Amino acid sequence: MQRSPDWMAKQVDYYRSRAGEYEATATPPGDPLADQKTVLVDALRAFYPRGRVLEIACGTGLYTRELVQFASSITAIDASPEMLDLARQRIRSPSVRFVHADVFSWEPDGQYDVVFFSFWLSHVPPTHFERFWDRVAAFLAPNGRVFFMDEGPHSYWREEFVDEVAGVVRRQLLDGSEHFAIKVLWDASDLERRLRDLGWDITVHRTDAFYWGHGGRAAR
């Protein structure tokens, strides 16, 4: 029997290869979604991510630079050492610790007041969704809070799915090389309902192209 591809490993390979061009392609000049991304940043600032913060999949540190304005300390993890190198160049603060780690196997040295992740939930395969949120719950201190933002279904979507059940898309880098990534486009109301079923009290808002959520564990 043919084994299924390890899409998570292929996704890490993709982001390792993409690191050098990430800034140019993630925030291109004339980005038609720029105004909506500003809404996400405003929502994060209003959330006020204070205290001890964990950032999952920090990438090049685009949002770490927002967190550092509020947090007393930040642990920022990512599975791509190339992305982390770029983040370290961007964020030179003694309050930030960058860690090369896979969120599904990493063991923290304590609990966090806030767990934050941007444009990561859509990269969690459906088979890992519940396990991921179990990890988030374990990372949080009592009364800890969560904030996340990501891309939902929208009219700008143009990617080609190669495995719709697993949510896998094919992507091409500027050098012409082909790679694979997981992309699960959650509807905001469906996501809020799914999280409620898992014991979370999280409100999910949306713009046309994006969504953001905030909250914590539901009271028992």
N, C-alpha and C. Protein backbone atom coordinates (compact mmCIF):
# COMPACT_ATOMS: atom_id res chain seq x y z
N MET A 1 0.84 -1.19 0.00
CA MET A 1 0.00 0.00 0.00
C MET A 1 0.89 1.25 0.00
N GLN A 2 0.54 2.21 -0.86
CA GLN A 2 1.32 3.44 -0.95
C GLN A 2 1.04 4.33 0.25
N ARG A 3 2.10 4.84 0.88
CA ARG A 3 1.94 5.71 2.04
C ARG A 3 1.55 7.12 1.60
N SER A 4 0.72 7.77 2.42
CA SER A 4 0.36 9.15 2.14
C SER A 4 1.57 10.05 2.36
N PRO A 5 1.70 11.12 1.58
CA PRO A 5 2.83 12.04 1.80
C PRO A 5 2.76 12.67 3.18
N ASP A 6 3.91 13.01 3.74
CA ASP A 6 3.97 13.74 5.01
C ASP A 6 3.83 15.22 4.67
N TRP A 7 2.57 15.68 4.60
CA TRP A 7 2.32 17.04 4.16
C TRP A 7 2.87 18.07 5.13
N MET A 8 2.89 17.74 6.42
CA MET A 8 3.44 18.69 7.39
C MET A 8 4.93 18.93 7.14
N ALA A 9 5.65 17.84 6.86
CA ALA A 9 7.09 17.98 6.57
C ALA A 9 7.30 18.75 5.27
N LYS A 10 6.46 18.48 4.27
CA LYS A 10 6.58 19.21 3.01
C LYS A 10 6.28 20.70 3.19
N GLN A 11 5.36 20.99 4.10
CA GLN A 11 5.04 22.39 4.38
C GLN A 11 6.23 23.11 5.02
N VAL A 12 6.91 22.45 5.95
CA VAL A 12 8.10 23.04 6.55
C VAL A 12 9.16 23.28 5.48
N ASP A 13 9.36 22.31 4.59
CA ASP A 13 10.32 22.47 3.50
C ASP A 13 9.97 23.69 2.64
N TYR A 14 8.68 23.86 2.39
CA TYR A 14 8.23 24.99 1.58
C TYR A 14 8.60 26.31 2.24
N TYR A 15 8.32 26.44 3.53
CA TYR A 15 8.61 27.71 4.20
C TYR A 15 10.11 27.94 4.38
N ARG A 16 10.85 26.87 4.53
CA ARG A 16 12.31 27.04 4.58
C ARG A 16 12.81 27.60 3.24
N SER A 17 12.26 27.08 2.15
CA SER A 17 12.67 27.53 0.82
C SER A 17 12.15 28.93 0.51
N ARG A 18 11.00 29.28 1.09
CA ARG A 18 10.36 30.56 0.77
C ARG A 18 10.92 31.72 1.59
N ALA A 19 11.67 31.45 2.64
CA ALA A 19 12.09 32.48 3.58
C ALA A 19 12.68 33.71 2.90
N GLY A 20 13.55 33.48 1.93
CA GLY A 20 14.24 34.59 1.28
C GLY A 20 13.33 35.52 0.50
N GLU A 21 12.19 35.03 0.05
CA GLU A 21 11.28 35.87 -0.73
C GLU A 21 9.98 36.16 0.01
N TYR A 22 9.90 35.75 1.26
CA TYR A 22 8.63 35.85 1.99
C TYR A 22 8.11 37.28 2.07
N GLU A 23 8.98 38.21 2.42
CA GLU A 23 8.54 39.60 2.59
C GLU A 23 7.95 40.16 1.29
N ALA A 24 8.62 39.87 0.18
CA ALA A 24 8.18 40.42 -1.10
C ALA A 24 6.84 39.85 -1.55
N THR A 25 6.57 38.58 -1.20
CA THR A 25 5.35 37.95 -1.68
C THR A 25 4.20 38.03 -0.67
N ALA A 26 4.52 38.12 0.62
CA ALA A 26 3.46 38.19 1.64
C ALA A 26 2.89 39.60 1.76
N THR A 27 3.72 40.60 1.55
CA THR A 27 3.26 41.99 1.63
C THR A 27 3.73 42.75 0.39
N PRO A 28 3.18 42.40 -0.78
CA PRO A 28 3.64 43.01 -2.03
C PRO A 28 3.20 44.47 -2.15
N PRO A 29 3.93 45.28 -2.93
CA PRO A 29 3.49 46.66 -3.18
C PRO A 29 2.10 46.67 -3.82
N GLY A 30 1.26 47.58 -3.37
CA GLY A 30 -0.10 47.65 -3.91
C GLY A 30 -0.98 46.50 -3.48
N ASP A 31 -0.68 45.89 -2.36
CA ASP A 31 -1.46 44.75 -1.85
C ASP A 31 -2.93 45.14 -1.74
N PRO A 32 -3.84 44.48 -2.47
CA PRO A 32 -5.27 44.85 -2.41
C PRO A 32 -5.91 44.53 -1.06
N LEU A 33 -5.22 43.74 -0.24
CA LEU A 33 -5.78 43.37 1.06
C LEU A 33 -5.13 44.16 2.20
N ALA A 34 -4.34 45.16 1.87
CA ALA A 34 -3.60 45.90 2.90
C ALA A 34 -4.52 46.52 3.94
N ASP A 35 -5.62 47.12 3.51
CA ASP A 35 -6.53 47.77 4.46
C ASP A 35 -7.13 46.76 5.43
N GLN A 36 -7.43 45.57 4.93
CA GLN A 36 -7.99 44.54 5.80
C GLN A 36 -6.95 44.02 6.79
N LYS A 37 -5.70 43.97 6.38
CA LYS A 37 -4.63 43.56 7.29
C LYS A 37 -4.46 44.59 8.40
N THR A 38 -4.69 45.86 8.09
CA THR A 38 -4.64 46.90 9.11
C THR A 38 -5.71 46.68 10.16
N VAL A 39 -6.87 46.20 9.76
CA VAL A 39 -7.94 45.89 10.71
C VAL A 39 -7.47 44.81 11.69
N LEU A 40 -6.74 43.82 11.19
CA LEU A 40 -6.23 42.75 12.05
C LEU A 40 -5.25 43.30 13.08
N VAL A 41 -4.35 44.16 12.64
CA VAL A 41 -3.36 44.74 13.55
C VAL A 41 -4.06 45.60 14.61
N ASP A 42 -5.05 46.37 14.20
CA ASP A 42 -5.80 47.19 15.15
C ASP A 42 -6.49 46.32 16.19
N ALA A 43 -7.03 45.18 15.75
CA ALA A 43 -7.71 44.28 16.68
C ALA A 43 -6.71 43.67 17.67
N LEU A 44 -5.52 43.33 17.20
CA LEU A 44 -4.48 42.80 18.08
C LEU A 44 -4.07 43.83 19.12
N ARG A 45 -3.90 45.07 18.71
CA ARG A 45 -3.52 46.12 19.66
C ARG A 45 -4.62 46.35 20.69
N ALA A 46 -5.86 46.30 20.26
CA ALA A 46 -6.98 46.47 21.20
C ALA A 46 -7.05 45.31 22.19
N PHE A 47 -6.64 44.13 21.77
CA PHE A 47 -6.60 42.95 22.64
C PHE A 47 -5.57 43.12 23.75
N TYR A 48 -4.53 43.86 23.49
CA TYR A 48 -3.47 44.19 24.45
C TYR A 48 -2.81 42.91 24.99
N PRO A 49 -1.93 42.30 24.20
CA PRO A 49 -1.32 41.03 24.59
C PRO A 49 -0.21 41.19 25.63
N ARG A 50 -0.60 41.44 26.86
CA ARG A 50 0.35 41.73 27.93
C ARG A 50 0.82 40.44 28.61
N GLY A 51 1.86 40.59 29.42
CA GLY A 51 2.36 39.48 30.22
C GLY A 51 3.34 38.60 29.45
N ARG A 52 3.34 37.34 29.81
CA ARG A 52 4.23 36.35 29.19
C ARG A 52 3.51 35.79 27.96
N VAL A 53 4.08 36.02 26.79
CA VAL A 53 3.40 35.69 25.52
C VAL A 53 4.15 34.61 24.77
N LEU A 54 3.40 33.66 24.23
CA LEU A 54 3.93 32.65 23.31
C LEU A 54 3.40 32.95 21.92
N GLU A 55 4.31 33.08 20.95
CA GLU A 55 3.90 33.23 19.55
C GLU A 55 4.25 31.95 18.81
N ILE A 56 3.24 31.33 18.22
CA ILE A 56 3.41 30.09 17.46
C ILE A 56 3.57 30.44 15.98
N ALA A 57 4.57 29.83 15.33
CA ALA A 57 4.83 30.06 13.91
C ALA A 57 5.06 31.54 13.64
N CYS A 58 6.10 32.08 14.25
CA CYS A 58 6.35 33.52 14.18
C CYS A 58 6.85 33.97 12.81
N GLY A 59 7.35 33.05 11.98
CA GLY A 59 7.83 33.43 10.66
C GLY A 59 8.96 34.44 10.75
N THR A 60 8.86 35.50 9.95
CA THR A 60 9.91 36.51 9.91
C THR A 60 9.74 37.61 10.95
N GLY A 61 8.78 37.45 11.86
CA GLY A 61 8.60 38.41 12.93
C GLY A 61 7.71 39.59 12.60
N LEU A 62 6.92 39.50 11.54
CA LEU A 62 6.04 40.60 11.16
C LEU A 62 5.13 41.02 12.30
N TYR A 63 4.60 40.04 13.04
CA TYR A 63 3.69 40.36 14.14
C TYR A 63 4.40 40.33 15.50
N THR A 64 5.57 39.74 15.56
CA THR A 64 6.36 39.81 16.79
C THR A 64 6.63 41.26 17.14
N ARG A 65 6.85 42.08 16.12
CA ARG A 65 7.14 43.50 16.36
C ARG A 65 5.93 44.22 16.95
N GLU A 66 4.73 43.69 16.75
CA GLU A 66 3.54 44.24 17.42
C GLU A 66 3.49 43.76 18.87
N LEU A 67 3.74 42.49 19.08
CA LEU A 67 3.66 41.92 20.42
C LEU A 67 4.64 42.57 21.38
N VAL A 68 5.82 42.90 20.88
CA VAL A 68 6.88 43.40 21.75
C VAL A 68 6.51 44.75 22.38
N GLN A 69 5.54 45.44 21.82
CA GLN A 69 5.10 46.71 22.37
C GLN A 69 4.27 46.53 23.65
N PHE A 70 3.76 45.31 23.87
CA PHE A 70 2.85 45.07 24.99
C PHE A 70 3.36 44.03 25.98
N ALA A 71 4.03 43.00 25.49
CA ALA A 71 4.39 41.85 26.32
C ALA A 71 5.58 42.15 27.22
N SER A 72 5.60 41.50 28.39
CA SER A 72 6.78 41.60 29.24
C SER A 72 7.86 40.65 28.76
N SER A 73 7.46 39.52 28.15
CA SER A 73 8.41 38.60 27.52
C SER A 73 7.69 37.83 26.43
N ILE A 74 8.46 37.43 25.42
CA ILE A 74 7.88 36.69 24.29
C ILE A 74 8.76 35.49 23.98
N THR A 75 8.15 34.34 23.85
CA THR A 75 8.80 33.16 23.28
C THR A 75 8.18 32.95 21.91
N ALA A 76 8.99 33.06 20.87
CA ALA A 76 8.49 32.96 19.50
C ALA A 76 9.08 31.71 18.86
N ILE A 77 8.22 30.76 18.48
CA ILE A 77 8.71 29.50 17.92
C ILE A 77 8.35 29.39 16.44
N ASP A 78 9.18 28.67 15.71
CA ASP A 78 8.92 28.40 14.30
C ASP A 78 9.71 27.17 13.90
N ALA A 79 9.18 26.41 12.94
CA ALA A 79 9.83 25.18 12.48
C ALA A 79 10.89 25.44 11.41
N SER A 80 10.97 26.69 10.92
CA SER A 80 11.95 27.03 9.87
C SER A 80 13.08 27.86 10.45
N PRO A 81 14.30 27.33 10.51
CA PRO A 81 15.42 28.14 11.01
C PRO A 81 15.71 29.35 10.14
N GLU A 82 15.43 29.25 8.84
CA GLU A 82 15.64 30.37 7.94
C GLU A 82 14.70 31.54 8.28
N MET A 83 13.44 31.21 8.57
CA MET A 83 12.50 32.25 8.98
C MET A 83 12.94 32.88 10.30
N LEU A 84 13.40 32.06 11.23
CA LEU A 84 13.83 32.58 12.52
C LEU A 84 15.03 33.51 12.38
N ASP A 85 15.95 33.20 11.47
CA ASP A 85 17.10 34.08 11.25
C ASP A 85 16.63 35.47 10.82
N LEU A 86 15.62 35.52 9.96
CA LEU A 86 15.10 36.81 9.51
C LEU A 86 14.38 37.53 10.65
N ALA A 87 13.67 36.77 11.47
CA ALA A 87 12.97 37.37 12.61
C ALA A 87 13.97 37.97 13.60
N ARG A 88 15.07 37.28 13.84
CA ARG A 88 16.09 37.80 14.77
C ARG A 88 16.70 39.10 14.25
N GLN A 89 16.83 39.20 12.93
CA GLN A 89 17.37 40.44 12.35
C GLN A 89 16.38 41.59 12.53
N ARG A 90 15.09 41.27 12.47
CA ARG A 90 14.05 42.30 12.59
C ARG A 90 13.84 42.73 14.05
N ILE A 91 13.83 41.79 14.95
CA ILE A 91 13.50 42.06 16.35
C ILE A 91 14.75 41.87 17.20
N ARG A 92 15.28 42.96 17.69
CA ARG A 92 16.49 42.89 18.53
C ARG A 92 16.12 43.40 19.92
N SER A 93 15.30 42.62 20.59
CA SER A 93 14.83 43.00 21.92
C SER A 93 15.22 41.91 22.92
N PRO A 94 15.72 42.27 24.08
CA PRO A 94 16.07 41.27 25.08
C PRO A 94 14.86 40.54 25.66
N SER A 95 13.67 41.08 25.40
CA SER A 95 12.47 40.43 25.92
C SER A 95 11.95 39.32 25.01
N VAL A 96 12.58 39.12 23.84
CA VAL A 96 12.13 38.12 22.87
C VAL A 96 13.13 36.97 22.78
N ARG A 97 12.61 35.77 22.89
CA ARG A 97 13.43 34.57 22.73
C ARG A 97 12.89 33.79 21.53
N PHE A 98 13.71 33.57 20.53
CA PHE A 98 13.32 32.82 19.34
C PHE A 98 13.78 31.37 19.51
N VAL A 99 12.86 30.44 19.20
CA VAL A 99 13.12 29.02 19.41
C VAL A 99 12.76 28.24 18.15
N HIS A 100 13.70 27.43 17.67
CA HIS A 100 13.44 26.54 16.54
C HIS A 100 12.71 25.32 17.08
N ALA A 101 11.43 25.17 16.73
CA ALA A 101 10.63 24.09 17.32
C ALA A 101 9.39 23.82 16.50
N ASP A 102 8.92 22.58 16.60
CA ASP A 102 7.64 22.15 16.04
C ASP A 102 6.62 22.22 17.16
N VAL A 103 5.54 22.94 16.94
CA VAL A 103 4.56 23.16 18.00
C VAL A 103 3.97 21.86 18.54
N PHE A 104 3.97 20.80 17.73
CA PHE A 104 3.35 19.55 18.17
C PHE A 104 4.27 18.70 19.04
N SER A 105 5.55 19.04 19.11
CA SER A 105 6.47 18.28 19.94
C SER A 105 7.21 19.13 20.97
N TRP A 106 7.15 20.44 20.82
CA TRP A 106 7.87 21.35 21.71
C TRP A 106 7.30 21.33 23.12
N GLU A 107 8.19 21.36 24.11
CA GLU A 107 7.78 21.42 25.51
C GLU A 107 8.22 22.75 26.10
N PRO A 108 7.29 23.57 26.56
CA PRO A 108 7.63 24.88 27.11
C PRO A 108 8.23 24.77 28.51
N ASP A 109 8.84 25.87 28.95
CA ASP A 109 9.42 25.89 30.29
C ASP A 109 8.49 26.56 31.30
N GLY A 110 7.25 26.71 30.93
CA GLY A 110 6.26 27.32 31.82
C GLY A 110 4.99 27.59 31.04
N GLN A 111 4.04 28.26 31.68
CA GLN A 111 2.79 28.59 31.02
C GLN A 111 2.76 30.07 30.65
N TYR A 112 1.82 30.43 29.78
CA TYR A 112 1.81 31.77 29.19
C TYR A 112 0.47 32.47 29.44
N ASP A 113 0.58 33.78 29.58
CA ASP A 113 -0.62 34.60 29.76
C ASP A 113 -1.39 34.74 28.45
N VAL A 114 -0.65 34.72 27.33
CA VAL A 114 -1.26 34.86 26.00
C VAL A 114 -0.58 33.89 25.05
N VAL A 115 -1.38 33.22 24.24
CA VAL A 115 -0.87 32.45 23.11
C VAL A 115 -1.40 33.13 21.84
N PHE A 116 -0.47 33.46 20.95
CA PHE A 116 -0.81 34.19 19.73
C PHE A 116 -0.29 33.44 18.52
N PHE A 117 -1.08 33.43 17.44
CA PHE A 117 -0.59 32.89 16.18
C PHE A 117 -1.29 33.59 15.03
N SER A 118 -0.52 33.93 14.01
CA SER A 118 -1.04 34.64 12.85
C SER A 118 -0.80 33.81 11.60
N PHE A 119 -1.85 33.62 10.84
CA PHE A 119 -1.77 32.89 9.57
C PHE A 119 -1.12 31.52 9.75
N TRP A 120 -1.46 30.89 10.87
CA TRP A 120 -0.97 29.54 11.15
C TRP A 120 -2.11 28.53 11.20
N LEU A 121 -3.26 28.92 11.74
CA LEU A 121 -4.34 27.94 11.91
C LEU A 121 -4.74 27.32 10.57
N SER A 122 -4.69 28.09 9.50
CA SER A 122 -5.02 27.55 8.18
C SER A 122 -4.00 26.53 7.71
N HIS A 123 -2.83 26.47 8.35
CA HIS A 123 -1.80 25.50 7.99
C HIS A 123 -1.85 24.24 8.87
N VAL A 124 -2.82 24.19 9.78
CA VAL A 124 -3.01 23.00 10.61
C VAL A 124 -3.95 22.05 9.88
N PRO A 125 -3.51 20.84 9.56
CA PRO A 125 -4.39 19.92 8.82
C PRO A 125 -5.60 19.53 9.65
N PRO A 126 -6.72 19.21 8.99
CA PRO A 126 -7.92 18.83 9.72
C PRO A 126 -7.69 17.70 10.74
N THR A 127 -6.80 16.78 10.42
CA THR A 127 -6.52 15.65 11.32
C THR A 127 -5.79 16.10 12.59
N HIS A 128 -5.20 17.29 12.59
CA HIS A 128 -4.43 17.78 13.74
C HIS A 128 -5.14 18.90 14.49
N PHE A 129 -6.34 19.26 14.07
CA PHE A 129 -7.01 20.44 14.63
C PHE A 129 -7.23 20.31 16.13
N GLU A 130 -7.86 19.23 16.57
CA GLU A 130 -8.15 19.07 17.99
C GLU A 130 -6.86 18.95 18.80
N ARG A 131 -5.90 18.23 18.26
CA ARG A 131 -4.61 18.07 18.94
C ARG A 131 -3.92 19.42 19.11
N PHE A 132 -4.01 20.26 18.08
CA PHE A 132 -3.40 21.58 18.19
C PHE A 132 -4.01 22.38 19.32
N TRP A 133 -5.33 22.40 19.40
CA TRP A 133 -5.99 23.19 20.44
C TRP A 133 -5.76 22.60 21.83
N ASP A 134 -5.55 21.30 21.91
CA ASP A 134 -5.12 20.71 23.19
C ASP A 134 -3.76 21.25 23.60
N ARG A 135 -2.87 21.42 22.64
CA ARG A 135 -1.54 21.98 22.91
C ARG A 135 -1.68 23.43 23.39
N VAL A 136 -2.51 24.20 22.72
CA VAL A 136 -2.71 25.59 23.13
C VAL A 136 -3.22 25.66 24.57
N ALA A 137 -4.17 24.80 24.90
CA ALA A 137 -4.70 24.78 26.27
C ALA A 137 -3.61 24.47 27.28
N ALA A 138 -2.71 23.56 26.93
CA ALA A 138 -1.62 23.18 27.83
C ALA A 138 -0.61 24.32 28.00
N PHE A 139 -0.46 25.15 26.98
CA PHE A 139 0.48 26.26 27.05
C PHE A 139 -0.02 27.41 27.93
N LEU A 140 -1.34 27.52 28.07
CA LEU A 140 -1.93 28.68 28.73
C LEU A 140 -1.92 28.56 30.26
N ALA A 141 -1.61 29.66 30.91
CA ALA A 141 -1.77 29.76 32.35
C ALA A 141 -3.27 29.84 32.67
N PRO A 142 -3.66 29.58 33.92
CA PRO A 142 -5.07 29.79 34.31
C PRO A 142 -5.51 31.20 33.95
N ASN A 143 -6.69 31.30 33.35
CA ASN A 143 -7.23 32.58 32.88
C ASN A 143 -6.42 33.17 31.73
N GLY A 144 -5.56 32.37 31.08
CA GLY A 144 -4.81 32.84 29.92
C GLY A 144 -5.72 33.12 28.74
N ARG A 145 -5.21 33.91 27.81
CA ARG A 145 -6.00 34.34 26.67
C ARG A 145 -5.34 33.92 25.35
N VAL A 146 -6.16 33.82 24.31
CA VAL A 146 -5.70 33.46 22.97
C VAL A 146 -6.12 34.55 21.99
N PHE A 147 -5.22 34.84 21.04
CA PHE A 147 -5.57 35.72 19.93
C PHE A 147 -4.96 35.13 18.68
N PHE A 148 -5.75 35.06 17.61
CA PHE A 148 -5.24 34.55 16.34
C PHE A 148 -5.88 35.29 15.18
N MET A 149 -5.22 35.26 14.04
CA MET A 149 -5.74 35.86 12.82
C MET A 149 -5.36 34.97 11.64
N ASP A 150 -6.17 35.01 10.60
CA ASP A 150 -5.88 34.15 9.45
C ASP A 150 -6.74 34.53 8.27
N GLU A 151 -6.56 33.76 7.22
CA GLU A 151 -7.27 33.96 5.95
C GLU A 151 -8.46 33.02 5.88
N GLY A 152 -9.60 33.54 5.46
CA GLY A 152 -10.78 32.71 5.25
C GLY A 152 -11.12 32.61 3.77
N PRO A 153 -12.25 32.01 3.43
CA PRO A 153 -12.65 31.95 2.02
C PRO A 153 -12.92 33.37 1.49
N HIS A 154 -12.41 33.67 0.31
CA HIS A 154 -12.65 35.01 -0.25
C HIS A 154 -12.44 34.98 -1.76
N SER A 155 -12.84 36.06 -2.40
CA SER A 155 -12.86 36.10 -3.87
C SER A 155 -11.47 36.21 -4.48
N TYR A 156 -10.46 36.53 -3.67
CA TYR A 156 -9.10 36.64 -4.20
C TYR A 156 -8.41 35.28 -4.28
N TRP A 157 -9.06 34.25 -3.73
CA TRP A 157 -8.43 32.92 -3.64
C TRP A 157 -8.22 32.33 -5.03
N ARG A 158 -6.98 31.93 -5.33
CA ARG A 158 -6.67 31.41 -6.66
C ARG A 158 -5.83 30.13 -6.62
N GLU A 159 -5.65 29.54 -5.46
CA GLU A 159 -4.72 28.41 -5.36
C GLU A 159 -5.36 27.10 -5.80
N GLU A 160 -4.49 26.19 -6.20
CA GLU A 160 -4.92 24.88 -6.70
C GLU A 160 -4.75 23.82 -5.62
N PHE A 161 -5.87 23.19 -5.25
CA PHE A 161 -5.81 22.10 -4.29
C PHE A 161 -5.37 20.82 -4.99
N VAL A 162 -4.42 20.14 -4.38
CA VAL A 162 -4.01 18.83 -4.90
C VAL A 162 -4.59 17.71 -4.05
N ASP A 163 -5.07 18.04 -2.85
CA ASP A 163 -5.73 17.08 -1.97
C ASP A 163 -6.71 17.88 -1.11
N GLU A 164 -7.99 17.93 -1.53
CA GLU A 164 -8.96 18.77 -0.84
C GLU A 164 -9.29 18.23 0.54
N VAL A 165 -9.28 16.93 0.73
CA VAL A 165 -9.57 16.35 2.04
C VAL A 165 -8.51 16.77 3.05
N ALA A 166 -7.27 16.69 2.66
CA ALA A 166 -6.16 17.10 3.55
C ALA A 166 -5.92 18.60 3.51
N GLY A 167 -6.56 19.30 2.57
CA GLY A 167 -6.38 20.74 2.46
C GLY A 167 -5.01 21.13 1.93
N VAL A 168 -4.49 20.41 0.96
CA VAL A 168 -3.13 20.65 0.47
C VAL A 168 -3.18 21.40 -0.86
N VAL A 169 -2.36 22.46 -0.95
CA VAL A 169 -2.27 23.25 -2.17
C VAL A 169 -0.86 23.15 -2.73
N ARG A 170 -0.76 23.35 -4.04
CA ARG A 170 0.54 23.41 -4.70
C ARG A 170 0.93 24.88 -4.84
N ARG A 171 2.19 25.19 -4.52
CA ARG A 171 2.67 26.56 -4.62
C ARG A 171 3.99 26.61 -5.38
N GLN A 172 4.21 27.71 -6.06
CA GLN A 172 5.44 27.88 -6.83
C GLN A 172 6.19 29.11 -6.33
N LEU A 173 7.47 28.97 -6.12
CA LEU A 173 8.30 30.08 -5.69
C LEU A 173 8.81 30.86 -6.90
N LEU A 174 9.43 31.99 -6.63
CA LEU A 174 9.91 32.85 -7.71
C LEU A 174 10.96 32.16 -8.57
N ASP A 175 11.67 31.18 -7.99
CA ASP A 175 12.68 30.46 -8.78
C ASP A 175 12.08 29.34 -9.62
N GLY A 176 10.75 29.20 -9.57
CA GLY A 176 10.05 28.20 -10.37
C GLY A 176 9.86 26.86 -9.68
N SER A 177 10.46 26.67 -8.52
CA SER A 177 10.33 25.39 -7.83
C SER A 177 8.92 25.22 -7.25
N GLU A 178 8.44 23.98 -7.26
CA GLU A 178 7.09 23.68 -6.76
C GLU A 178 7.17 23.08 -5.37
N HIS A 179 6.19 23.48 -4.54
CA HIS A 179 6.15 23.02 -3.16
C HIS A 179 4.70 22.78 -2.77
N PHE A 180 4.51 22.29 -1.54
CA PHE A 180 3.16 22.00 -1.07
C PHE A 180 2.97 22.59 0.32
N ALA A 181 1.75 23.07 0.56
CA ALA A 181 1.39 23.62 1.87
C ALA A 181 -0.04 23.21 2.18
N ILE A 182 -0.35 23.20 3.46
CA ILE A 182 -1.72 22.94 3.91
C ILE A 182 -2.44 24.27 3.98
N LYS A 183 -3.67 24.31 3.51
CA LYS A 183 -4.45 25.55 3.57
C LYS A 183 -5.91 25.19 3.83
N VAL A 184 -6.34 25.43 5.04
CA VAL A 184 -7.72 25.15 5.45
C VAL A 184 -8.40 26.50 5.65
N LEU A 185 -9.35 26.80 4.80
CA LEU A 185 -10.02 28.11 4.83
C LEU A 185 -11.27 28.03 5.69
N TRP A 186 -11.13 28.36 6.96
CA TRP A 186 -12.24 28.28 7.90
C TRP A 186 -13.25 29.41 7.69
N ASP A 187 -14.52 29.07 7.71
CA ASP A 187 -15.58 30.07 7.84
C ASP A 187 -15.62 30.50 9.30
N ALA A 188 -15.73 31.81 9.56
CA ALA A 188 -15.63 32.32 10.92
C ALA A 188 -16.66 31.70 11.86
N SER A 189 -17.91 31.61 11.43
CA SER A 189 -18.95 31.06 12.31
C SER A 189 -18.74 29.57 12.55
N ASP A 190 -18.30 28.83 11.52
CA ASP A 190 -18.03 27.41 11.70
C ASP A 190 -16.87 27.19 12.67
N LEU A 191 -15.85 28.03 12.55
CA LEU A 191 -14.70 27.91 13.44
C LEU A 191 -15.10 28.21 14.88
N GLU A 192 -15.86 29.24 15.09
CA GLU A 192 -16.31 29.59 16.44
C GLU A 192 -17.11 28.44 17.05
N ARG A 193 -17.98 27.84 16.25
CA ARG A 193 -18.80 26.72 16.74
C ARG A 193 -17.93 25.51 17.06
N ARG A 194 -16.94 25.23 16.20
CA ARG A 194 -16.06 24.08 16.44
C ARG A 194 -15.26 24.28 17.72
N LEU A 195 -14.79 25.47 17.95
CA LEU A 195 -14.01 25.75 19.16
C LEU A 195 -14.89 25.66 20.41
N ARG A 196 -16.12 26.09 20.30
CA ARG A 196 -17.04 25.97 21.43
C ARG A 196 -17.22 24.50 21.80
N ASP A 197 -17.31 23.64 20.78
CA ASP A 197 -17.47 22.20 21.03
C ASP A 197 -16.25 21.61 21.73
N LEU A 198 -15.08 22.25 21.55
CA LEU A 198 -13.85 21.78 22.18
C LEU A 198 -13.60 22.42 23.55
N GLY A 199 -14.56 23.22 24.01
CA GLY A 199 -14.43 23.79 25.34
C GLY A 199 -13.79 25.16 25.39
N TRP A 200 -13.84 25.90 24.27
CA TRP A 200 -13.28 27.25 24.23
C TRP A 200 -14.40 28.28 24.18
N ASP A 201 -14.14 29.42 24.78
CA ASP A 201 -15.05 30.57 24.69
C ASP A 201 -14.32 31.63 23.87
N ILE A 202 -14.44 31.52 22.58
CA ILE A 202 -13.70 32.38 21.64
C ILE A 202 -14.68 33.01 20.66
N THR A 203 -14.54 34.31 20.49
CA THR A 203 -15.33 35.04 19.51
C THR A 203 -14.50 35.24 18.26
N VAL A 204 -15.08 34.92 17.10
CA VAL A 204 -14.37 35.05 15.83
C VAL A 204 -15.04 36.13 14.99
N HIS A 205 -14.27 37.11 14.56
CA HIS A 205 -14.74 38.21 13.71
C HIS A 205 -14.13 38.03 12.32
N ARG A 206 -14.68 38.77 11.36
CA ARG A 206 -14.11 38.64 10.02
C ARG A 206 -14.22 39.94 9.23
N THR A 207 -13.30 40.07 8.28
CA THR A 207 -13.40 41.06 7.23
C THR A 207 -13.84 40.27 5.99
N ASP A 208 -13.66 40.82 4.82
CA ASP A 208 -13.99 40.08 3.61
C ASP A 208 -13.07 38.88 3.42
N ALA A 209 -11.76 39.09 3.63
CA ALA A 209 -10.77 38.05 3.32
C ALA A 209 -10.21 37.36 4.56
N PHE A 210 -10.29 37.99 5.73
CA PHE A 210 -9.61 37.49 6.91
C PHE A 210 -10.56 37.31 8.08
N TYR A 211 -10.06 36.64 9.12
CA TYR A 211 -10.78 36.57 10.39
C TYR A 211 -9.79 36.69 11.53
N TRP A 212 -10.29 37.05 12.69
CA TRP A 212 -9.48 37.04 13.90
C TRP A 212 -10.36 36.58 15.06
N GLY A 213 -9.71 35.91 16.01
CA GLY A 213 -10.45 35.39 17.15
C GLY A 213 -9.72 35.69 18.45
N HIS A 214 -10.48 35.79 19.53
CA HIS A 214 -9.88 36.04 20.84
C HIS A 214 -10.78 35.45 21.93
N GLY A 215 -10.16 35.03 23.01
CA GLY A 215 -10.91 34.46 24.13
C GLY A 215 -10.05 33.54 24.95
N GLY A 216 -10.67 32.55 25.54
CA GLY A 216 -9.94 31.62 26.39
C GLY A 216 -10.74 30.35 26.61
N ARG A 217 -10.33 29.57 27.58
CA ARG A 217 -11.06 28.35 27.92
C ARG A 217 -12.41 28.72 28.52
N ALA A 218 -13.43 27.97 28.17
CA ALA A 218 -14.76 28.22 28.72
C ALA A 218 -14.77 27.87 30.20
N ALA A 219 -15.57 28.62 30.97
CA ALA A 219 -15.69 28.36 32.39
C ALA A 219 -16.33 26.99 32.61
N ARG A 220 -15.79 26.27 33.57
CA ARG A 220 -16.31 24.91 33.84
C ARG A 220 -17.27 24.95 35.03
